[in-house]
Amino acid sequence: MDGMRNKGIFACIAIFILSGFAPPPSEYQPPDVGLPTARIRLVNNFPGSVVRPLHLPGDSCFPGTAQQAEWMPRLDQGKRETIGIPMTDLAGTVRFTEHMIIAGVPTIFQFGTAWPGGYRKEMTCLVAIRFTPQAGADYEAVFSHRSDPEGCAISLRRLHLDAAGRTVEEPMPEATSPPHC
């Protein structure tokens, strides 16, 4: 099964590179000290998949042209890395990583995976979401399986604690699928 997972990751990378984006993305680096930042939790809620999100800060379309595109760490089975974002019920049961990102500029997160789809067939799914993070805010981006022909989806919500210390999840209607470029 690991071979199939690796094949899926390589398929997603190939899709991304062949879509016209150059140069290849670098590895994630936290924003420079002094820049306004937000925090984001990247969640893999797609059973049986290994996902490696791509971050495109400063881009307005997908697959983008930003020189600063970067691969985020893989969301492997059992992975849970936190930097203090308030926990949600979902985050307590799935794989996730949390990161600092630059605030105040449009940013795109792309998620993709591949999985066996029947006899000698591999299914792939690639989705992206665009929003402008606010300084000091916390977000949760969730990649999940869907049973429709698209096969997967991404949702984004803003998180904060209420007066009683409970996590409040606010939908983000301003977060949209980026236009294709």
Protein backbone atom coordinates (compact mmCIF):
# COMPACT_ATOMS: atom_id res chain seq x y z
CA MET A 1 0.00 0.00 0.00
CA ASP A 2 2.93 2.37 0.68
CA GLY A 3 3.90 2.04 -2.98
CA MET A 4 0.40 3.14 -3.99
CA ARG A 5 0.58 6.11 -1.58
CA ASN A 6 3.96 7.15 -2.96
CA LYS A 7 2.61 6.76 -6.49
CA GLY A 8 -0.28 9.05 -5.54
CA ILE A 9 2.02 11.71 -4.13
CA PHE A 10 4.20 11.59 -7.24
CA ALA A 11 1.08 11.80 -9.44
CA CYS A 12 -0.01 14.97 -7.62
CA ILE A 13 3.47 16.46 -7.96
CA ALA A 14 3.51 15.63 -11.67
CA ILE A 15 0.07 17.19 -12.19
CA PHE A 16 1.27 20.34 -10.46
CA ILE A 17 4.58 20.62 -12.34
CA LEU A 18 3.05 19.77 -15.73
CA SER A 19 0.37 22.40 -15.23
CA GLY A 20 2.91 25.06 -16.15
CA PHE A 21 4.23 26.11 -12.77
CA ALA A 22 7.99 26.71 -12.62
CA PRO A 23 10.32 26.58 -10.76
CA PRO A 24 9.51 23.64 -8.49
CA PRO A 25 8.26 24.59 -5.01
CA SER A 26 10.66 24.84 -2.09
CA GLU A 27 10.16 23.35 1.38
CA TYR A 28 8.06 25.32 3.89
CA GLN A 29 9.88 27.97 5.92
CA PRO A 30 8.17 30.05 8.64
CA PRO A 31 7.71 33.75 7.77
CA ASP A 32 10.51 36.16 8.62
CA VAL A 33 10.41 37.74 12.08
CA GLY A 34 8.62 41.08 12.03
CA LEU A 35 6.12 40.22 9.30
CA PRO A 36 2.42 40.09 10.26
CA THR A 37 1.39 36.46 10.66
CA ALA A 38 -1.58 34.17 11.09
CA ARG A 39 -1.65 30.48 12.03
CA ILE A 40 -3.22 27.67 10.03
CA ARG A 41 -3.97 24.04 10.81
CA LEU A 42 -3.86 21.80 7.72
CA VAL A 43 -6.07 18.74 8.24
CA ASN A 44 -6.20 15.49 6.26
CA ASN A 45 -9.66 13.99 6.76
CA PHE A 46 -9.39 11.78 3.65
CA PRO A 47 -9.28 8.16 4.89
CA GLY A 48 -6.35 6.09 3.65
CA SER A 49 -4.60 8.96 1.87
CA VAL A 50 -1.28 10.71 2.28
CA VAL A 51 -1.49 14.40 1.44
CA ARG A 52 1.23 17.00 0.90
CA PRO A 53 -0.34 20.48 0.77
CA LEU A 54 1.16 23.24 -1.35
CA HIS A 55 1.19 26.87 -0.16
CA LEU A 56 1.20 29.70 -2.70
CA PRO A 57 1.48 33.01 -0.79
CA GLY A 58 0.76 36.15 -2.76
CA ASP A 59 -0.94 34.39 -5.69
CA SER A 60 -4.40 35.11 -7.02
CA CYS A 61 -4.90 32.18 -9.40
CA PHE A 62 -4.13 28.47 -9.58
CA PRO A 63 -1.71 26.81 -10.29
CA GLY A 64 -0.02 30.17 -9.79
CA THR A 65 3.28 31.76 -10.64
CA ALA A 66 4.61 32.76 -7.22
CA GLN A 67 8.34 32.23 -6.85
CA GLN A 68 7.74 31.57 -3.15
CA ALA A 69 5.51 28.49 -3.56
CA GLU A 70 6.36 25.93 -0.92
CA TRP A 71 5.52 22.34 0.00
CA MET A 72 4.04 21.97 3.47
CA PRO A 73 4.93 18.83 5.48
CA ARG A 74 3.12 15.62 4.50
CA LEU A 75 -0.04 14.77 6.42
CA ASP A 76 0.76 11.14 7.17
CA GLN A 77 -1.19 8.69 9.26
CA GLY A 78 -1.02 9.59 12.94
CA LYS A 79 0.78 12.92 12.37
CA ARG A 80 -0.22 15.69 14.78
CA GLU A 81 1.96 18.78 15.08
CA THR A 82 0.62 21.77 16.98
CA ILE A 83 1.79 25.32 17.64
CA GLY A 84 -1.16 26.20 19.88
CA ILE A 85 -4.18 26.76 17.62
CA PRO A 86 -7.42 26.11 19.56
CA MET A 87 -8.48 22.47 19.11
CA THR A 88 -11.68 21.51 17.31
CA ASP A 89 -13.57 18.21 17.60
CA LEU A 90 -12.29 17.24 14.16
CA ALA A 91 -8.64 18.01 14.94
CA GLY A 92 -8.87 15.61 17.86
CA THR A 93 -9.47 12.67 15.50
CA VAL A 94 -7.39 13.25 12.35
CA ARG A 95 -3.91 14.00 10.98
CA PHE A 96 -2.80 17.63 10.96
CA THR A 97 0.10 20.06 11.07
CA GLU A 98 0.01 23.71 12.17
CA HIS A 99 2.06 26.53 10.67
CA MET A 100 2.70 30.27 10.76
CA ILE A 101 1.86 32.04 7.48
CA ILE A 102 2.18 35.62 6.25
CA ALA A 103 -0.96 37.68 6.91
CA GLY A 104 -2.45 40.43 4.79
CA VAL A 105 -1.69 38.96 1.35
CA PRO A 106 -3.84 36.61 -0.74
CA THR A 107 -2.74 33.02 -0.30
CA ILE A 108 -3.68 29.71 -1.88
CA PHE A 109 -3.51 26.25 -0.35
CA GLN A 110 -3.68 23.27 -2.71
CA PHE A 111 -4.41 19.72 -1.53
CA GLY A 112 -4.21 16.61 -3.68
CA THR A 113 -4.07 12.84 -3.43
CA ALA A 114 -4.50 9.65 -5.44
CA TRP A 115 -6.05 6.31 -4.48
CA PRO A 116 -6.94 2.98 -6.09
CA GLY A 117 -10.11 3.34 -8.13
CA GLY A 118 -10.83 -0.18 -9.29
CA TYR A 119 -9.21 -2.56 -11.73
CA ARG A 120 -5.90 -1.01 -12.90
CA LYS A 121 -7.23 2.45 -12.31
CA GLU A 122 -6.04 5.25 -10.06
CA MET A 123 -8.27 8.11 -9.00
CA THR A 124 -6.79 11.54 -8.34
CA CYS A 125 -8.14 14.67 -6.76
CA LEU A 126 -6.67 18.16 -6.67
CA VAL A 127 -8.42 21.13 -5.02
CA ALA A 128 -7.38 24.61 -3.90
CA ILE A 129 -8.75 27.41 -1.77
CA ARG A 130 -7.85 31.11 -1.74
CA PHE A 131 -8.18 33.64 1.09
CA THR A 132 -6.35 36.53 2.74
CA PRO A 133 -5.26 35.64 6.28
CA GLN A 134 -5.76 38.32 8.93
CA ALA A 135 -2.90 39.13 11.31
CA GLY A 136 -3.17 37.20 14.58
CA ALA A 137 -6.00 34.95 13.35
CA ASP A 138 -6.19 31.16 13.51
CA TYR A 139 -7.54 29.02 10.65
CA GLU A 140 -8.29 25.37 9.93
CA ALA A 141 -8.22 24.04 6.34
CA VAL A 142 -9.76 20.56 6.01
CA PHE A 143 -9.16 18.24 3.05
CA SER A 144 -11.82 15.52 2.89
CA HIS A 145 -13.28 12.78 0.70
CA ARG A 146 -16.55 13.27 -1.22
CA SER A 147 -18.58 10.64 -3.01
CA ASP A 148 -19.31 12.81 -6.07
CA PRO A 149 -17.20 12.72 -9.27
CA GLU A 150 -14.78 15.37 -7.93
CA GLY A 151 -13.80 12.96 -5.15
CA CYS A 152 -12.55 15.51 -2.63
CA ALA A 153 -13.17 18.94 -1.14
CA ILE A 154 -11.47 21.59 0.94
CA SER A 155 -13.13 23.75 3.56
CA LEU A 156 -11.75 26.64 5.58
CA ARG A 157 -12.87 28.12 8.86
CA ARG A 158 -11.57 30.76 11.26
CA LEU A 159 -11.09 29.65 14.87
CA HIS A 160 -11.14 31.59 18.13
CA LEU A 161 -11.94 31.02 21.79
CA ASP A 162 -15.13 32.37 23.33
CA ALA A 163 -15.31 33.89 26.85
CA ALA A 164 -15.75 30.40 28.35
CA GLY A 165 -12.61 29.09 26.59
CA ARG A 166 -14.49 26.98 24.02
CA THR A 167 -13.35 26.88 20.41
CA VAL A 168 -15.66 28.75 18.03
CA GLU A 169 -15.51 27.77 14.33
CA GLU A 170 -16.58 30.49 11.90
CA PRO A 171 -17.24 29.64 8.25
CA MET A 172 -15.28 31.68 5.73
CA PRO A 173 -17.58 32.57 2.82
CA GLU A 174 -14.86 34.87 1.45
CA ALA A 175 -12.61 31.82 0.94
CA THR A 176 -13.12 30.69 -2.65
CA SER A 177 -11.74 28.38 -5.26
CA PRO A 178 -9.08 30.37 -7.07
CA PRO A 179 -9.55 31.07 -10.76
CA HIS A 180 -7.42 28.92 -13.07
CA CYS A 181 -4.46 30.63 -14.75
